[in-house]
PDB file of N, CA and C in Angstrom:
ATOM      1  N   MET A   1       1.089  -1.180  -0.166  1.00  0.00           N
ATOM      2  CA  MET A   1      -0.154  -0.014  -0.321  1.00  0.00           C
ATOM      3  C   MET A   1       0.760   1.310   0.191  1.00  0.00           C
ATOM      4  N   PRO A   2       0.851   2.265  -0.791  1.00  0.00           N
ATOM      5  CA  PRO A   2       1.358   2.810  -0.706  1.00  0.00           C
ATOM      6  C   PRO A   2       0.994   4.275   0.102  1.00  0.00           C
ATOM      7  N   CYS A   3       1.646   5.691   0.462  1.00  0.00           N
ATOM      8  CA  CYS A   3       1.473   6.611   0.856  1.00  0.00           C
ATOM      9  C   CYS A   3       0.489   7.515   0.569  1.00  0.00           C
ATOM     10  N   TYR A   4      -0.704   7.424   1.161  1.00  0.00           N
ATOM     11  CA  TYR A   4      -1.689   8.307   0.712  1.00  0.00           C
ATOM     12  C   TYR A   4      -1.912   9.411   0.528  1.00  0.00           C
ATOM     13  N   HIS A   5      -1.008  10.141   1.025  1.00  0.00           N
ATOM     14  CA  HIS A   5      -0.618  11.347   1.190  1.00  0.00           C
ATOM     15  C   HIS A   5       0.322  12.025  -0.885  1.00  0.00           C
ATOM     16  N   CYS A   6       1.286  11.438  -0.719  1.00  0.00           N
ATOM     17  CA  CYS A   6       2.361  11.428  -2.039  1.00  0.00           C
ATOM     18  C   CYS A   6       2.393  10.474  -2.934  1.00  0.00           C
ATOM     19  N   GLY A   7       1.667   9.240  -2.300  1.00  0.00           N
ATOM     20  CA  GLY A   7       1.553   7.702  -3.476  1.00  0.00           C
ATOM     21  C   GLY A   7       3.270   7.531  -3.488  1.00  0.00           C
ATOM     22  N   ALA A   8       3.968   7.348  -2.852  1.00  0.00           N
ATOM     23  CA  ALA A   8       5.704   6.573  -2.465  1.00  0.00           C
ATOM     24  C   ALA A   8       5.070   5.261  -1.977  1.00  0.00           C
ATOM     25  N   ARG A   9       6.119   4.274  -2.498  1.00  0.00           N
ATOM     26  CA  ARG A   9       5.715   3.277  -2.243  1.00  0.00           C
ATOM     27  C   ARG A   9       6.882   2.403  -0.959  1.00  0.00           C
ATOM     28  N   GLN A  10       6.140   1.734  -0.355  1.00  0.00           N
ATOM     29  CA  GLN A  10       7.043   1.517   0.945  1.00  0.00           C
ATOM     30  C   GLN A  10       8.080   0.485   0.093  1.00  0.00           C
ATOM     31  N   THR A  11       9.379   0.411   0.765  1.00  0.00           N
ATOM     32  CA  THR A  11      10.327  -0.614   0.126  1.00  0.00           C
ATOM     33  C   THR A  11      10.791  -1.936   1.083  1.00  0.00           C
ATOM     34  N   ASP A  12      11.433  -2.529   0.960  1.00  0.00           N
ATOM     35  CA  ASP A  12      11.704  -3.726   1.888  1.00  0.00           C
ATOM     36  C   ASP A  12      12.263  -2.920   3.050  1.00  0.00           C
ATOM     37  N   PRO A  13      11.622  -3.053   4.153  1.00  0.00           N
ATOM     38  CA  PRO A  13      12.131  -2.429   5.509  1.00  0.00           C
ATOM     39  C   PRO A  13      13.179  -3.467   5.888  1.00  0.00           C
ATOM     40  N   VAL A  14      14.461  -2.739   6.692  1.00  0.00           N
ATOM     41  CA  VAL A  14      15.539  -2.927   7.362  1.00  0.00           C
ATOM     42  C   VAL A  14      15.292  -3.245   8.567  1.00  0.00           C
ATOM     43  N   ARG A  15      16.008  -4.364   9.337  1.00  0.00           N
ATOM     44  CA  ARG A  15      15.519  -4.766  10.758  1.00  0.00           C
ATOM     45  C   ARG A  15      15.415  -3.434  11.264  1.00  0.00           C
ATOM     46  N   GLY A  16      14.348  -4.058  12.376  1.00  0.00           N
ATOM     47  CA  GLY A  16      13.874  -2.777  13.343  1.00  0.00           C
ATOM     48  C   GLY A  16      11.977  -2.286  13.138  1.00  0.00           C
ATOM     49  N   ALA A  17      11.818  -1.937  13.555  1.00  0.00           N
ATOM     50  CA  ALA A  17      10.708  -1.293  13.874  1.00  0.00           C
ATOM     51  C   ALA A  17      10.358  -0.043  12.518  1.00  0.00           C
ATOM     52  N   SER A  18       9.467  -0.214  11.925  1.00  0.00           N
ATOM     53  CA  SER A  18       8.935   0.269  10.345  1.00  0.00           C
ATOM     54  C   SER A  18       8.947   1.763  10.486  1.00  0.00           C
ATOM     55  N   PRO A  19       9.759   2.914   9.629  1.00  0.00           N
ATOM     56  CA  PRO A  19       9.707   4.252  10.019  1.00  0.00           C
ATOM     57  C   PRO A  19       8.035   4.700   9.667  1.00  0.00           C
ATOM     58  N   TRP A  20       7.075   3.924   8.399  1.00  0.00           N
ATOM     59  CA  TRP A  20       5.893   4.069   8.265  1.00  0.00           C
ATOM     60  C   TRP A  20       4.988   4.264   9.260  1.00  0.00           C
ATOM     61  N   LYS A  21       4.364   5.221   9.450  1.00  0.00           N
ATOM     62  CA  LYS A  21       2.695   5.233  10.410  1.00  0.00           C
ATOM     63  C   LYS A  21       1.466   4.757   9.627  1.00  0.00           C
ATOM     64  N   ARG A  22       0.707   4.276  10.497  1.00  0.00           N
ATOM     65  CA  ARG A  22      -0.619   4.108  10.468  1.00  0.00           C
ATOM     66  C   ARG A  22      -1.378   4.913  10.590  1.00  0.00           C
ATOM     67  N   GLY A  23      -2.086   5.549   9.993  1.00  0.00           N
ATOM     68  CA  GLY A  23      -3.521   6.105  10.518  1.00  0.00           C
ATOM     69  C   GLY A  23      -4.875   5.813  10.120  1.00  0.00           C
ATOM     70  N   VAL A  24      -5.797   6.865  10.106  1.00  0.00           N
ATOM     71  CA  VAL A  24      -7.196   6.441   9.677  1.00  0.00           C
ATOM     72  C   VAL A  24      -7.761   7.883   8.929  1.00  0.00           C
ATOM     73  N   ARG A  25      -8.050   7.890   7.947  1.00  0.00           N
ATOM     74  CA  ARG A  25      -8.646   8.852   7.007  1.00  0.00           C
ATOM     75  C   ARG A  25      -9.934   8.650   6.443  1.00  0.00           C
ATOM     76  N   GLN A  26     -10.968   9.009   6.467  1.00  0.00           N
ATOM     77  CA  GLN A  26     -12.328   8.894   6.294  1.00  0.00           C
ATOM     78  C   GLN A  26     -12.911   7.246   6.789  1.00  0.00           C
ATOM     79  N   GLU A  27     -12.187   6.581   8.106  1.00  0.00           N
ATOM     80  CA  GLU A  27     -12.641   5.719   8.337  1.00  0.00           C
ATOM     81  C   GLU A  27     -11.839   4.497   7.521  1.00  0.00           C
ATOM     82  N   SER A  28     -10.819   4.846   6.476  1.00  0.00           N
ATOM     83  CA  SER A  28      -9.984   3.492   6.354  1.00  0.00           C
ATOM     84  C   SER A  28      -8.737   3.506   6.959  1.00  0.00           C
ATOM     85  N   GLN A  29      -8.192   2.768   6.882  1.00  0.00           N
ATOM     86  CA  GLN A  29      -6.517   2.614   7.460  1.00  0.00           C
ATOM     87  C   GLN A  29      -5.783   3.301   6.323  1.00  0.00           C
ATOM     88  N   VAL A  30      -5.037   4.293   6.121  1.00  0.00           N
ATOM     89  CA  VAL A  30      -3.479   4.250   5.332  1.00  0.00           C
ATOM     90  C   VAL A  30      -2.813   4.532   6.040  1.00  0.00           C
ATOM     91  N   LEU A  31      -2.045   4.321   5.382  1.00  0.00           N
ATOM     92  CA  LEU A  31      -0.024   4.198   5.691  1.00  0.00           C
ATOM     93  C   LEU A  31       0.477   5.649   5.009  1.00  0.00           C
ATOM     94  N   ILE A  32       1.271   6.454   5.944  1.00  0.00           N
ATOM     95  CA  ILE A  32       1.608   7.703   5.950  1.00  0.00           C
ATOM     96  C   ILE A  32       3.255   7.340   6.166  1.00  0.00           C
ATOM     97  N   CYS A  33       4.425   7.625   4.987  1.00  0.00           N
ATOM     98  CA  CYS A  33       5.469   7.513   4.750  1.00  0.00           C
ATOM     99  C   CYS A  33       6.603   8.773   5.843  1.00  0.00           C
ATOM    100  N   PRO A  34       7.701   8.424   6.037  1.00  0.00           N
ATOM    101  CA  PRO A  34       8.623   9.547   6.925  1.00  0.00           C
ATOM    102  C   PRO A  34       8.066  10.363   6.215  1.00  0.00           C
ATOM    103  N   ASP A  35       8.093  10.629   5.193  1.00  0.00           N
ATOM    104  CA  ASP A  35       8.518  12.430   5.189  1.00  0.00           C
ATOM    105  C   ASP A  35       7.569  13.055   4.972  1.00  0.00           C
ATOM    106  N   CYS A  36       6.154  12.424   4.775  1.00  0.00           N
ATOM    107  CA  CYS A  36       4.963  12.786   4.828  1.00  0.00           C
ATOM    108  C   CYS A  36       4.394  13.140   6.179  1.00  0.00           C
ATOM    109  N   GLN A  37       4.884  12.121   7.380  1.00  0.00           N
ATOM    110  CA  GLN A  37       4.756  12.168   8.811  1.00  0.00           C
ATOM    111  C   GLN A  37       4.831  13.661   9.494  1.00  0.00           C
ATOM    112  N   HIS A  38       6.179  14.344   9.190  1.00  0.00           N
ATOM    113  CA  HIS A  38       5.942  16.117   9.517  1.00  0.00           C
ATOM    114  C   HIS A  38       4.875  17.163   9.005  1.00  0.00           C
ATOM    115  N   ARG A  39       4.343  16.308   8.158  1.00  0.00           N
ATOM    116  CA  ARG A  39       3.246  17.785   7.218  1.00  0.00           C
ATOM    117  C   ARG A  39       2.196  17.659   8.500  1.00  0.00           C
ATOM    118  N   HIS A  40       1.184  18.647   8.281  1.00  0.00           N
ATOM    119  CA  HIS A  40       0.272  19.126   9.098  1.00  0.00           C
ATOM    120  C   HIS A  40      -0.895  19.327   8.651  1.00  0.00           C
ATOM    121  N   ASP A  41      -1.355  19.093   7.291  1.00  0.00           N
ATOM    122  CA  ASP A  41      -2.363  19.026   6.436  1.00  0.00           C
ATOM    123  C   ASP A  41      -2.582  17.514   5.934  1.00  0.00           C
ATOM    124  N   LEU A  42      -2.160  16.684   6.517  1.00  0.00           N
ATOM    125  CA  LEU A  42      -2.576  15.505   6.410  1.00  0.00           C
ATOM    126  C   LEU A  42      -3.816  15.245   6.545  1.00  0.00           C
ATOM    127  N   ASP A  43      -5.087  15.416   7.289  1.00  0.00           N
ATOM    128  CA  ASP A  43      -6.679  15.526   7.063  1.00  0.00           C
ATOM    129  C   ASP A  43      -6.597  13.911   7.707  1.00  0.00           C
ATOM    130  N   LEU A  44      -6.154  13.785   8.765  1.00  0.00           N
ATOM    131  CA  LEU A  44      -6.333  12.377   9.385  1.00  0.00           C
ATOM    132  C   LEU A  44      -7.236  12.474  10.264  1.00  0.00           C
ATOM    133  N   ASP A  45      -8.492  11.516  10.345  1.00  0.00           N
ATOM    134  CA  ASP A  45      -9.555  11.537  11.178  1.00  0.00           C
ATOM    135  C   ASP A  45      -8.840  11.284  12.963  1.00  0.00           C
ATOM    136  N   ALA A  46      -9.283  12.161  13.478  1.00  0.00           N
ATOM    137  CA  ALA A  46      -8.977  12.199  14.955  1.00  0.00           C
ATOM    138  C   ALA A  46      -9.998  11.593  16.088  1.00  0.00           C
ATOM    139  N   CYS A  47      -9.745  11.076  16.961  1.00  0.00           N
ATOM    140  CA  CYS A  47     -10.969  10.465  18.300  1.00  0.00           C
ATOM    141  C   CYS A  47     -11.690  11.405  18.662  1.00  0.00           C
ATOM    142  N   ARG A  48     -12.937  11.000  19.057  1.00  0.00           N
ATOM    143  CA  ARG A  48     -13.790  11.956  19.501  1.00  0.00           C
ATOM    144  C   ARG A  48     -14.057  11.889  20.733  1.00  0.00           C
ATOM    145  N   THR A  49     -13.058  11.330  21.759  1.00  0.00           N
ATOM    146  CA  THR A  49     -13.309  11.445  23.104  1.00  0.00           C
ATOM    147  C   THR A  49     -11.747  12.667  23.360  1.00  0.00           C
ATOM    148  N   CYS A  50     -10.658  12.166  22.689  1.00  0.00           N
ATOM    149  CA  CYS A  50      -9.345  13.165  23.124  1.00  0.00           C
ATOM    150  C   CYS A  50      -8.600  13.614  22.240  1.00  0.00           C
ATOM    151  N   GLY A  51      -8.899  13.534  20.830  1.00  0.00           N
ATOM    152  CA  GLY A  51      -8.709  14.113  20.010  1.00  0.00           C
ATOM    153  C   GLY A  51      -7.627  13.415  19.018  1.00  0.00           C
ATOM    154  N   SER A  52      -6.773  12.780  19.228  1.00  0.00           N
ATOM    155  CA  SER A  52      -5.594  12.344  18.980  1.00  0.00           C
ATOM    156  C   SER A  52      -5.898  11.704  17.915  1.00  0.00           C
ATOM    157  N   THR A  53      -5.022  11.422  16.416  1.00  0.00           N
ATOM    158  CA  THR A  53      -4.909  11.296  15.292  1.00  0.00           C
ATOM    159  C   THR A  53      -4.103   9.433  15.494  1.00  0.00           C
ATOM    160  N   ALA A  54      -3.787   9.137  16.719  1.00  0.00           N
ATOM    161  CA  ALA A  54      -3.104   7.536  16.242  1.00  0.00           C
ATOM    162  C   ALA A  54      -4.468   6.676  16.421  1.00  0.00           C
ATOM    163  N   LEU A  55      -4.910   6.842  15.048  1.00  0.00           N
ATOM    164  CA  LEU A  55      -5.790   5.559  15.289  1.00  0.00           C
ATOM    165  C   LEU A  55      -5.618   4.470  14.658  1.00  0.00           C
ATOM    166  N   ILE A  56      -6.344   3.164  14.642  1.00  0.00           N
ATOM    167  CA  ILE A  56      -6.192   2.149  14.098  1.00  0.00           C
ATOM    168  C   ILE A  56      -7.658   1.923  13.460  1.00  0.00           C
ATOM    169  N   CYS A  57      -7.648   0.887  12.158  1.00  0.00           N
ATOM    170  CA  CYS A  57      -8.696   0.582  12.009  1.00  0.00           C
ATOM    171  C   CYS A  57      -9.096  -1.019  11.317  1.00  0.00           C
ATOM    172  N   ARG A  58      -9.344  -1.655  12.795  1.00  0.00           N
ATOM    173  CA  ARG A  58      -9.573  -2.826  11.842  1.00  0.00           C
ATOM    174  C   ARG A  58     -10.668  -3.990  12.438  1.00  0.00           C
ATOM    175  N   LEU A  59     -11.259  -4.701  11.141  1.00  0.00           N
ATOM    176  CA  LEU A  59     -12.602  -5.397  11.642  1.00  0.00           C
ATOM    177  C   LEU A  59     -13.956  -4.448  12.041  1.00  0.00           C
ATOM    178  N   GLY A  60     -13.946  -3.592  11.436  1.00  0.00           N
ATOM    179  CA  GLY A  60     -15.138  -2.455  11.025  1.00  0.00           C
ATOM    180  C   GLY A  60     -15.264  -1.543  12.239  1.00  0.00           C
ATOM    181  N   GLU A  61     -13.866  -1.695  13.261  1.00  0.00           N
ATOM    182  CA  GLU A  61     -13.675  -0.951  14.296  1.00  0.00           C
ATOM    183  C   GLU A  61     -12.588   0.443  14.223  1.00  0.00           C
ATOM    184  N   VAL A  62     -12.824   1.314  14.634  1.00  0.00           N
ATOM    185  CA  VAL A  62     -11.860   2.315  14.924  1.00  0.00           C
ATOM    186  C   VAL A  62     -11.204   2.539  16.281  1.00  0.00           C
ATOM    187  N   GLU A  63     -10.320   2.570  16.456  1.00  0.00           N
ATOM    188  CA  GLU A  63      -9.597   2.052  17.993  1.00  0.00           C
ATOM    189  C   GLU A  63      -8.681   3.741  18.133  1.00  0.00           C
ATOM    190  N   CYS A  64      -8.368   4.040  19.182  1.00  0.00           N
ATOM    191  CA  CYS A  64      -7.849   5.159  19.431  1.00  0.00           C
ATOM    192  C   CYS A  64      -6.742   4.620  20.404  1.00  0.00           C
ATOM    193  N   ARG A  65      -5.217   4.694  19.873  1.00  0.00           N
ATOM    194  CA  ARG A  65      -4.139   4.167  20.290  1.00  0.00           C
ATOM    195  C   ARG A  65      -3.929   5.173  21.489  1.00  0.00           C
ATOM    196  N   SER A  66      -4.151   6.487  21.667  1.00  0.00           N
ATOM    197  CA  SER A  66      -4.033   7.125  22.951  1.00  0.00           C
ATOM    198  C   SER A  66      -4.631   6.952  23.828  1.00  0.00           C
ATOM    199  N   CYS A  67      -6.124   6.618  23.902  1.00  0.00           N
ATOM    200  CA  CYS A  67      -7.395   6.671  25.151  1.00  0.00           C
ATOM    201  C   CYS A  67      -7.608   5.319  25.305  1.00  0.00           C
ATOM    202  N   GLY A  68      -7.840   4.697  24.100  1.00  0.00           N
ATOM    203  CA  GLY A  68      -8.126   3.165  24.194  1.00  0.00           C
ATOM    204  C   GLY A  68     -10.000   2.854  23.466  1.00  0.00           C
ATOM    205  N   ALA A  69     -10.205   4.367  22.962  1.00  0.00           N
ATOM    206  CA  ALA A  69     -11.611   4.258  22.849  1.00  0.00           C
ATOM    207  C   ALA A  69     -12.004   3.456  21.621  1.00  0.00           C
ATOM    208  N   VAL A  70     -12.905   3.137  21.450  1.00  0.00           N
ATOM    209  CA  VAL A  70     -13.172   2.200  20.120  1.00  0.00           C
ATOM    210  C   VAL A  70     -14.595   2.221  19.948  1.00  0.00           C
ATOM    211  N   ARG A  71     -14.872   2.253  18.418  1.00  0.00           N
ATOM    212  CA  ARG A  71     -16.358   2.659  17.895  1.00  0.00           C
ATOM    213  C   ARG A  71     -16.249   2.099  16.262  1.00  0.00           C
ATOM    214  N   LEU A  72     -17.503   1.794  16.113  1.00  0.00           N
ATOM    215  CA  LEU A  72     -17.929   0.724  15.107  1.00  0.00           C
ATOM    216  C   LEU A  72     -17.531   1.946  13.995  1.00  0.00           C
ATOM    217  N   ALA A  73     -16.703   1.616  12.935  1.00  0.00           N
ATOM    218  CA  ALA A  73     -16.668   2.585  11.660  1.00  0.00           C
ATOM    219  C   ALA A  73     -17.977   2.428  10.976  1.00  0.00           C
ATOM    220  N   GLY A  74     -17.861   3.764  10.749  1.00  0.00           N
ATOM    221  CA  GLY A  74     -19.216   4.602  10.232  1.00  0.00           C
ATOM    222  C   GLY A  74     -20.182   5.025  11.365  1.00  0.00           C
ATOM    223  N   ALA A  75     -20.083   4.823  12.463  1.00  0.00           N
ATOM    224  CA  ALA A  75     -20.853   4.773  13.630  1.00  0.00           C
ATOM    225  C   ALA A  75     -20.482   6.191  13.882  1.00  0.00           C
ATOM    226  N   ARG A  76     -21.773   7.336  14.615  1.00  0.00           N
ATOM    227  CA  ARG A  76     -21.621   8.334  15.299  1.00  0.00           C
ATOM    228  C   ARG A  76     -20.757   8.778  16.281  1.00  0.00           C
ATOM    229  N   GLU A  77     -21.411   7.388  17.017  1.00  0.00           N
ATOM    230  CA  GLU A  77     -21.036   7.388  18.775  1.00  0.00           C
ATOM    231  C   GLU A  77     -20.073   6.407  18.877  1.00  0.00           C
ATOM    232  N   PHE A  78     -19.592   6.287  19.866  1.00  0.00           N
ATOM    233  CA  PHE A  78     -18.640   5.533  20.757  1.00  0.00           C
ATOM    234  C   PHE A  78     -19.377   4.206  21.425  1.00  0.00           C
ATOM    235  N   ALA A  79     -20.223   3.009  20.705  1.00  0.00           N
ATOM    236  CA  ALA A  79     -21.187   2.496  21.022  1.00  0.00           C
ATOM    237  C   ALA A  79     -21.237   1.094  19.909  1.00  0.00           C
ATOM    238  N   CYS A  80     -21.755   0.204  20.404  1.00  0.00           N
ATOM    239  CA  CYS A  80     -21.865  -0.849  19.697  1.00  0.00           C
ATOM    240  C   CYS A  80     -23.451  -1.082  19.269  1.00  0.00           C
ATOM    241  N   SER A  81     -23.693  -1.639  18.008  1.00  0.00           N
ATOM    242  CA  SER A  81     -24.922  -1.953  17.954  1.00  0.00           C
ATOM    243  C   SER A  81     -24.992  -3.287  16.953  1.00  0.00           C
ATOM    244  N   ALA A  82     -26.243  -3.568  17.203  1.00  0.00           N
ATOM    245  CA  ALA A  82     -26.702  -5.195  16.852  1.00  0.00           C
ATOM    246  C   ALA A  82     -25.692  -5.251  15.367  1.00  0.00           C
ATOM    247  N   PRO A  83     -24.800  -6.561  16.039  1.00  0.00           N
ATOM    248  CA  PRO A  83     -23.847  -7.570  14.900  1.00  0.00           C
ATOM    249  C   PRO A  83     -24.952  -7.794  13.915  1.00  0.00           C
ATOM    250  N   PRO A  84     -24.602  -7.646  12.379  1.00  0.00           N
ATOM    251  CA  PRO A  84     -24.980  -8.353  11.056  1.00  0.00           C
ATOM    252  C   PRO A  84     -24.600  -9.948  11.637  1.00  0.00           C
ATOM    253  N   PRO A  85     -25.766 -10.630  10.815  1.00  0.00           N
ATOM    254  CA  PRO A  85     -25.925 -12.175  10.988  1.00  0.00           C
ATOM    255  C   PRO A  85     -24.731 -12.480  10.108  1.00  0.00           C
ATOM    256  N   GLY A  86     -24.887 -13.796  10.769  1.00  0.00           N
ATOM    257  CA  GLY A  86     -23.383 -14.755   9.929  1.00  0.00           C
ATOM    258  C   GLY A  86     -22.065 -14.753  10.203  1.00  0.00           C
ATOM    259  N   LEU A  87     -21.020 -14.851   9.679  1.00  0.00           N
ATOM    260  CA  LEU A  87     -19.644 -14.701  10.143  1.00  0.00           C
ATOM    261  C   LEU A  87     -19.128 -13.838  11.284  1.00  0.00           C
ATOM    262  N   SER A  88     -19.964 -13.006  10.417  1.00  0.00           N
ATOM    263  CA  SER A  88     -19.578 -11.367  11.153  1.00  0.00           C
ATOM    264  C   SER A  88     -19.998 -11.306  12.266  1.00  0.00           C
ATOM    265  N   ALA A  89     -20.956 -11.841  13.080  1.00  0.00           N
ATOM    266  CA  ALA A  89     -21.612 -12.070  14.432  1.00  0.00           C
ATOM    267  C   ALA A  89     -20.813 -12.826  15.085  1.00  0.00           C
ATOM    268  N   GLU A  90     -20.375 -14.203  14.646  1.00  0.00           N
ATOM    269  CA  GLU A  90     -19.609 -14.950  15.077  1.00  0.00           C
ATOM    270  C   GLU A  90     -17.968 -14.303  15.737  1.00  0.00           C
ATOM    271  N   VAL A  91     -17.567 -13.515  14.615  1.00  0.00           N
ATOM    272  CA  VAL A  91     -16.152 -13.086  14.717  1.00  0.00           C
ATOM    273  C   VAL A  91     -16.661 -12.103  15.814  1.00  0.00           C
ATOM    274  N   GLU A  92     -17.632 -11.319  15.722  1.00  0.00           N
ATOM    275  CA  GLU A  92     -17.613  -9.996  16.921  1.00  0.00           C
ATOM    276  C   GLU A  92     -17.856 -10.336  18.543  1.00  0.00           C
ATOM    277  N   ALA A  93     -18.612 -11.837  18.459  1.00  0.00           N
ATOM    278  CA  ALA A  93     -18.805 -12.526  19.797  1.00  0.00           C
ATOM    279  C   ALA A  93     -17.489 -13.123  20.171  1.00  0.00           C
ATOM    280  N   ALA A  94     -16.684 -13.528  19.182  1.00  0.00           N
ATOM    281  CA  ALA A  94     -15.313 -14.079  19.782  1.00  0.00           C
ATOM    282  C   ALA A  94     -14.702 -12.864  20.260  1.00  0.00           C
ATOM    283  N   LEU A  95     -14.262 -12.025  19.539  1.00  0.00           N
ATOM    284  CA  LEU A  95     -13.819 -10.628  19.615  1.00  0.00           C
ATOM    285  C   LEU A  95     -13.799 -10.109  21.373  1.00  0.00           C
ATOM    286  N   ASN A  96     -15.394 -10.257  21.482  1.00  0.00           N
ATOM    287  CA  ASN A  96     -15.826  -9.772  22.319  1.00  0.00           C
ATOM    288  C   ASN A  96     -15.538 -10.353  23.989  1.00  0.00           C
ATOM    289  N   ARG A  97     -15.681 -12.119  23.757  1.00  0.00           N
ATOM    290  CA  ARG A  97     -15.013 -12.916  24.863  1.00  0.00           C
ATOM    291  C   ARG A  97     -13.730 -12.462  25.093  1.00  0.00           C
ATOM    292  N   VAL A  98     -12.444 -12.162  23.705  1.00  0.00           N
ATOM    293  CA  VAL A  98     -11.420 -12.398  24.364  1.00  0.00           C
ATOM    294  C   VAL A  98     -10.993 -10.940  25.016  1.00  0.00           C
ATOM    295  N   LEU A  99     -11.302  -9.823  24.254  1.00  0.00           N
ATOM    296  CA  LEU A  99     -11.768  -8.851  24.912  1.00  0.00           C
ATOM    297  C   LEU A  99     -12.088  -8.112  26.241  1.00  0.00           C
ATOM    298  N   GLY A 100     -13.345  -8.999  26.718  1.00  0.00           N
ATOM    299  CA  GLY A 100     -14.180  -8.916  27.814  1.00  0.00           C
ATOM    300  C   GLY A 100     -15.025  -7.605  27.498  1.00  0.00           C
ATOM    301  N   ARG A 101     -15.681  -7.572  27.265  1.00  0.00           N
ATOM    302  CA  ARG A 101     -16.894  -6.612  26.150  1.00  0.00           C
ATOM    303  C   ARG A 101     -17.926  -7.233  26.622  1.00  0.00           C
ATOM    304  N   PRO A 102     -18.678  -6.318  26.833  1.00  0.00           N
ATOM    305  CA  PRO A 102     -20.414  -7.117  27.083  1.00  0.00           C
ATOM    306  C   PRO A 102     -20.654  -7.366  25.851  1.00  0.00           C
TER     307      PRO A 102
END
């Protein structure tokens, strides 16, 4: 996946942590290259609880890495709604059990 802002492609990493960062923009996970991380016009989504842009998107949820708030992608509030039928409901139930959520 290229940098969402400039289109640069990620190269094979050297050992250690990747200098690329993840972010969420319009409720989709994006990658940000090291050069673009210093820009102030990235227009990333922010946490509705603490205002941080350190968000990750996975399995239809957006989680704040700063305060831990979790919401459904596309939802207006940090709350759970009825799960869709089928495999999605089974996966959500398993995640809730593992993460200790009601």
